[in-house]
């Protein structure tokens, strides 16, 4: 019997900041505290944070969703290490006052 193992993915390690955000399941580093823009977003499962940049995440396909602030094109993001869904990222914001969110969103 031949066992096929999943290839190990490269993980970024954030060592230049004393405070960082990590995956709750596997502790993979996700973002430095200095990259936190806002904690005032609401997700389907509670408070959501907006970051300037993140590491060790992958994203799914873009889809249109109606969020509390209107219609947006978003893509789910997941931890690259354990594949846990972490939230979403803005791909396109259809309203002018959300252009800052779109500009700060990480591109796939």
N, C-alpha and C. Protein backbone atom coordinates (compact mmCIF):
# COMPACT_ATOMS: atom_id res chain seq x y z
N UNK A 1 0.84 -1.17 0.00
CA UNK A 1 0.00 0.00 0.00
C UNK A 1 0.89 1.24 0.00
N UNK A 2 0.58 2.17 -0.88
CA UNK A 2 1.33 3.41 -0.99
C UNK A 2 0.55 4.52 -0.32
N UNK A 3 1.19 5.22 0.58
CA UNK A 3 0.54 6.36 1.24
C UNK A 3 0.98 7.64 0.55
N UNK A 4 0.00 8.41 0.15
CA UNK A 4 0.29 9.69 -0.46
C UNK A 4 0.01 10.76 0.59
N UNK A 5 1.04 11.48 0.94
CA UNK A 5 0.86 12.51 1.95
C UNK A 5 0.72 13.88 1.28
N UNK A 6 0.03 14.73 1.96
CA UNK A 6 -0.17 16.09 1.48
C UNK A 6 1.16 16.84 1.58
N UNK A 7 1.56 17.54 0.53
CA UNK A 7 2.81 18.30 0.63
C UNK A 7 2.71 19.41 1.67
N UNK A 8 3.78 19.62 2.38
CA UNK A 8 3.82 20.65 3.41
C UNK A 8 3.91 22.02 2.73
N UNK A 9 3.10 22.95 3.20
CA UNK A 9 3.11 24.28 2.62
C UNK A 9 4.09 25.16 3.39
N UNK A 10 4.69 26.09 2.68
CA UNK A 10 5.58 27.07 3.30
C UNK A 10 4.74 28.04 4.12
N UNK A 11 5.19 28.34 5.32
CA UNK A 11 4.48 29.29 6.17
C UNK A 11 5.37 30.49 6.47
N UNK A 12 4.78 31.66 6.37
CA UNK A 12 5.49 32.87 6.77
C UNK A 12 5.47 32.96 8.29
N UNK A 13 6.57 33.42 8.85
CA UNK A 13 6.69 33.60 10.29
C UNK A 13 6.87 35.08 10.57
N UNK A 14 5.99 35.64 11.37
CA UNK A 14 6.03 37.07 11.68
C UNK A 14 6.78 37.28 12.99
N UNK A 15 8.04 37.65 12.90
CA UNK A 15 8.83 37.81 14.11
C UNK A 15 9.18 39.27 14.41
N UNK A 16 8.74 40.19 13.58
CA UNK A 16 9.11 41.59 13.78
C UNK A 16 8.09 42.38 14.59
N UNK A 17 7.15 41.69 15.20
CA UNK A 17 6.12 42.38 15.98
C UNK A 17 5.84 41.57 17.24
N UNK A 18 5.69 42.25 18.36
CA UNK A 18 5.44 41.54 19.62
C UNK A 18 3.99 41.10 19.75
N UNK A 19 3.08 41.69 18.96
CA UNK A 19 1.67 41.29 18.99
C UNK A 19 1.26 40.87 17.59
N UNK A 20 0.66 39.70 17.50
CA UNK A 20 0.23 39.21 16.19
C UNK A 20 -1.05 38.40 16.33
N UNK A 21 -1.73 38.24 15.22
CA UNK A 21 -2.95 37.43 15.15
C UNK A 21 -2.58 36.11 14.50
N UNK A 22 -3.17 35.03 15.02
CA UNK A 22 -2.86 33.70 14.49
C UNK A 22 -4.14 32.88 14.40
N UNK A 23 -4.06 31.79 13.65
CA UNK A 23 -5.20 30.88 13.49
C UNK A 23 -5.53 30.25 14.85
N UNK A 24 -6.78 30.24 15.21
CA UNK A 24 -7.20 29.69 16.51
C UNK A 24 -7.02 28.18 16.56
N UNK A 25 -6.96 27.51 15.42
CA UNK A 25 -6.87 26.05 15.40
C UNK A 25 -5.44 25.53 15.35
N UNK A 26 -4.59 26.16 14.53
CA UNK A 26 -3.23 25.63 14.37
C UNK A 26 -2.14 26.63 14.75
N UNK A 27 -2.51 27.84 15.12
CA UNK A 27 -1.59 28.90 15.55
C UNK A 27 -0.67 29.42 14.44
N UNK A 28 -0.99 29.17 13.19
CA UNK A 28 -0.20 29.76 12.10
C UNK A 28 -0.34 31.28 12.16
N UNK A 29 0.74 31.98 11.96
CA UNK A 29 0.70 33.45 11.99
C UNK A 29 -0.14 33.96 10.83
N UNK A 30 -0.94 35.01 11.10
CA UNK A 30 -1.81 35.59 10.07
C UNK A 30 -1.52 37.06 9.83
N UNK A 31 -1.30 37.85 10.88
CA UNK A 31 -1.09 39.29 10.70
C UNK A 31 -0.41 39.89 11.92
N UNK A 32 0.35 40.93 11.69
CA UNK A 32 0.90 41.75 12.77
C UNK A 32 -0.18 42.68 13.28
N UNK A 33 -0.11 43.00 14.54
CA UNK A 33 -1.07 43.95 15.12
C UNK A 33 -0.99 45.31 14.42
N UNK A 34 0.18 45.68 13.97
CA UNK A 34 0.35 46.97 13.28
C UNK A 34 -0.43 47.04 11.97
N UNK A 35 -0.81 45.90 11.39
CA UNK A 35 -1.57 45.88 10.14
C UNK A 35 -3.08 45.90 10.37
N UNK A 36 -3.52 45.93 11.63
CA UNK A 36 -4.95 46.01 11.94
C UNK A 36 -5.47 47.41 11.61
N UNK A 37 -6.49 47.48 10.77
CA UNK A 37 -7.09 48.76 10.40
C UNK A 37 -8.32 49.04 11.24
N UNK A 38 -9.20 48.03 11.39
CA UNK A 38 -10.46 48.27 12.10
C UNK A 38 -10.98 46.98 12.71
N UNK A 39 -11.62 47.13 13.88
CA UNK A 39 -12.33 46.02 14.52
C UNK A 39 -13.84 46.24 14.46
N UNK A 40 -14.28 47.22 13.71
CA UNK A 40 -15.70 47.62 13.73
C UNK A 40 -16.51 47.03 12.58
N UNK A 41 -16.16 45.84 12.13
CA UNK A 41 -16.94 45.15 11.11
C UNK A 41 -17.72 44.02 11.77
N UNK A 42 -18.80 43.62 11.15
CA UNK A 42 -19.63 42.54 11.68
C UNK A 42 -19.71 41.42 10.65
N UNK A 43 -19.35 40.21 11.06
CA UNK A 43 -19.45 39.05 10.19
C UNK A 43 -20.64 38.20 10.59
N UNK A 44 -20.87 37.14 9.86
CA UNK A 44 -22.02 36.27 10.15
C UNK A 44 -21.87 35.55 11.49
N UNK A 45 -20.62 35.41 11.97
CA UNK A 45 -20.39 34.71 13.23
C UNK A 45 -19.80 35.61 14.31
N UNK A 46 -19.95 36.92 14.13
CA UNK A 46 -19.46 37.84 15.15
C UNK A 46 -18.61 38.94 14.57
N UNK A 47 -17.81 39.54 15.44
CA UNK A 47 -16.97 40.67 15.04
C UNK A 47 -15.95 40.24 14.00
N UNK A 48 -15.72 41.12 13.02
CA UNK A 48 -14.75 40.86 11.97
C UNK A 48 -13.73 42.00 11.95
N UNK A 49 -12.49 41.67 11.63
CA UNK A 49 -11.42 42.65 11.60
C UNK A 49 -10.99 42.92 10.17
N UNK A 50 -10.54 44.15 9.91
CA UNK A 50 -10.01 44.53 8.61
C UNK A 50 -8.51 44.76 8.77
N UNK A 51 -7.70 44.05 7.97
CA UNK A 51 -6.25 44.15 8.02
C UNK A 51 -5.71 44.76 6.74
N UNK A 52 -4.59 45.44 6.86
CA UNK A 52 -3.89 45.97 5.70
C UNK A 52 -3.26 44.84 4.90
N UNK A 53 -2.66 43.86 5.58
CA UNK A 53 -2.07 42.71 4.90
C UNK A 53 -2.10 41.50 5.83
N UNK A 54 -2.15 40.32 5.22
CA UNK A 54 -2.16 39.06 5.96
C UNK A 54 -1.23 38.08 5.26
N UNK A 55 -0.84 37.04 5.99
CA UNK A 55 0.01 35.97 5.44
C UNK A 55 -0.62 34.63 5.77
N UNK A 56 -0.16 33.59 5.11
CA UNK A 56 -0.59 32.21 5.36
C UNK A 56 -2.08 32.00 5.15
N UNK A 57 -2.68 32.72 4.22
CA UNK A 57 -4.09 32.53 3.90
C UNK A 57 -4.24 32.25 2.41
N UNK A 58 -5.27 31.48 2.10
CA UNK A 58 -5.66 31.23 0.72
C UNK A 58 -7.07 31.74 0.54
N UNK A 59 -7.49 31.90 -0.69
CA UNK A 59 -8.85 32.40 -0.89
C UNK A 59 -9.59 31.58 -1.93
N UNK A 60 -10.89 31.55 -1.75
CA UNK A 60 -11.78 30.86 -2.66
C UNK A 60 -12.21 31.78 -3.79
N UNK A 61 -13.16 31.32 -4.57
CA UNK A 61 -13.64 32.14 -5.69
C UNK A 61 -14.46 33.33 -5.20
N UNK A 62 -14.44 34.39 -5.98
CA UNK A 62 -15.23 35.59 -5.64
C UNK A 62 -16.70 35.31 -5.90
N UNK A 63 -17.54 35.85 -5.05
CA UNK A 63 -18.99 35.75 -5.23
C UNK A 63 -19.64 36.99 -4.66
N UNK A 64 -20.78 37.33 -5.19
CA UNK A 64 -21.51 38.50 -4.69
C UNK A 64 -22.32 38.10 -3.47
N UNK A 65 -22.24 38.94 -2.43
CA UNK A 65 -23.01 38.72 -1.20
C UNK A 65 -23.59 40.04 -0.74
N UNK A 66 -24.76 39.95 -0.13
CA UNK A 66 -25.34 41.12 0.49
C UNK A 66 -24.89 41.12 1.95
N UNK A 67 -24.05 42.08 2.30
CA UNK A 67 -23.58 42.24 3.67
C UNK A 67 -24.39 43.35 4.32
N UNK A 68 -24.11 43.64 5.57
CA UNK A 68 -24.85 44.69 6.28
C UNK A 68 -24.75 46.04 5.58
N UNK A 69 -23.65 46.26 4.87
CA UNK A 69 -23.43 47.54 4.19
C UNK A 69 -23.81 47.52 2.72
N UNK A 70 -24.44 46.44 2.26
CA UNK A 70 -24.88 46.39 0.86
C UNK A 70 -24.24 45.24 0.10
N UNK A 71 -24.33 45.32 -1.21
CA UNK A 71 -23.84 44.27 -2.10
C UNK A 71 -22.33 44.43 -2.32
N UNK A 72 -21.60 43.34 -2.15
CA UNK A 72 -20.14 43.34 -2.34
C UNK A 72 -19.73 42.04 -3.02
N UNK A 73 -18.65 42.08 -3.76
CA UNK A 73 -18.02 40.86 -4.26
C UNK A 73 -16.94 40.50 -3.25
N UNK A 74 -17.06 39.32 -2.66
CA UNK A 74 -16.12 38.88 -1.63
C UNK A 74 -15.65 37.47 -1.94
N UNK A 75 -14.55 37.08 -1.33
CA UNK A 75 -14.03 35.72 -1.44
C UNK A 75 -13.71 35.23 -0.04
N UNK A 76 -14.12 34.01 0.28
CA UNK A 76 -13.77 33.43 1.58
C UNK A 76 -12.27 33.22 1.64
N UNK A 77 -11.70 33.41 2.83
CA UNK A 77 -10.28 33.13 3.04
C UNK A 77 -10.15 32.04 4.09
N UNK A 78 -9.09 31.25 3.97
CA UNK A 78 -8.86 30.14 4.89
C UNK A 78 -7.38 30.09 5.27
N UNK A 79 -7.11 29.47 6.39
CA UNK A 79 -5.74 29.24 6.83
C UNK A 79 -5.10 28.24 5.87
N UNK A 80 -3.94 28.57 5.33
CA UNK A 80 -3.26 27.66 4.41
C UNK A 80 -2.74 26.41 5.10
N UNK A 81 -2.51 26.47 6.40
CA UNK A 81 -1.98 25.33 7.12
C UNK A 81 -3.05 24.29 7.43
N UNK A 82 -4.17 24.71 8.03
CA UNK A 82 -5.19 23.74 8.46
C UNK A 82 -6.50 23.85 7.69
N UNK A 83 -6.59 24.81 6.77
CA UNK A 83 -7.76 25.00 5.89
C UNK A 83 -9.01 25.48 6.62
N UNK A 84 -8.88 25.96 7.84
CA UNK A 84 -10.02 26.52 8.57
C UNK A 84 -10.45 27.83 7.93
N UNK A 85 -11.76 27.99 7.71
CA UNK A 85 -12.27 29.24 7.17
C UNK A 85 -12.09 30.34 8.21
N UNK A 86 -11.48 31.44 7.79
CA UNK A 86 -11.18 32.55 8.69
C UNK A 86 -12.14 33.72 8.52
N UNK A 87 -12.69 33.86 7.34
CA UNK A 87 -13.56 34.99 7.06
C UNK A 87 -13.64 35.23 5.58
N UNK A 88 -13.62 36.50 5.18
CA UNK A 88 -13.69 36.85 3.77
C UNK A 88 -12.82 38.05 3.50
N UNK A 89 -12.60 38.32 2.23
CA UNK A 89 -11.92 39.54 1.82
C UNK A 89 -12.76 40.23 0.76
N UNK A 90 -12.67 41.54 0.73
CA UNK A 90 -13.37 42.30 -0.30
C UNK A 90 -12.63 42.16 -1.62
N UNK A 91 -13.36 41.85 -2.68
CA UNK A 91 -12.80 41.82 -4.02
C UNK A 91 -13.22 43.08 -4.76
N UNK A 92 -14.52 43.38 -4.71
CA UNK A 92 -15.06 44.61 -5.32
C UNK A 92 -16.09 45.18 -4.37
N UNK A 93 -16.00 46.47 -4.13
CA UNK A 93 -17.01 47.18 -3.35
C UNK A 93 -17.75 48.09 -4.32
N UNK A 94 -19.06 48.02 -4.32
CA UNK A 94 -19.85 48.72 -5.31
C UNK A 94 -20.22 50.14 -4.93
N UNK A 95 -19.82 50.59 -3.77
CA UNK A 95 -20.19 51.92 -3.32
C UNK A 95 -18.93 52.74 -3.08
N UNK A 96 -18.96 54.02 -3.41
CA UNK A 96 -17.78 54.86 -3.33
C UNK A 96 -17.17 54.93 -1.94
N UNK A 97 -18.00 54.96 -0.90
CA UNK A 97 -17.43 55.10 0.44
C UNK A 97 -16.75 53.83 0.94
N UNK A 98 -16.75 52.77 0.16
CA UNK A 98 -16.05 51.54 0.54
C UNK A 98 -14.76 51.34 -0.24
N UNK A 99 -14.34 52.34 -1.00
CA UNK A 99 -13.13 52.18 -1.79
C UNK A 99 -11.90 51.96 -0.92
N UNK A 100 -11.85 52.50 0.28
CA UNK A 100 -10.72 52.26 1.18
C UNK A 100 -10.64 50.79 1.55
N UNK A 101 -11.78 50.14 1.81
CA UNK A 101 -11.79 48.71 2.11
C UNK A 101 -11.27 47.93 0.92
N UNK A 102 -11.72 48.28 -0.27
CA UNK A 102 -11.29 47.57 -1.47
C UNK A 102 -9.79 47.75 -1.68
N UNK A 103 -9.29 48.96 -1.47
CA UNK A 103 -7.87 49.22 -1.67
C UNK A 103 -7.03 48.42 -0.68
N UNK A 104 -7.51 48.26 0.54
CA UNK A 104 -6.76 47.56 1.57
C UNK A 104 -6.89 46.04 1.47
N UNK A 105 -7.88 45.56 0.73
CA UNK A 105 -8.11 44.12 0.64
C UNK A 105 -6.94 43.44 -0.07
N UNK A 106 -6.56 42.29 0.43
CA UNK A 106 -5.50 41.53 -0.19
C UNK A 106 -6.02 40.89 -1.47
N UNK A 107 -5.24 40.92 -2.51
CA UNK A 107 -5.62 40.32 -3.79
C UNK A 107 -5.18 38.87 -3.84
N UNK A 108 -6.00 38.01 -4.45
CA UNK A 108 -5.63 36.60 -4.64
C UNK A 108 -4.57 36.50 -5.71
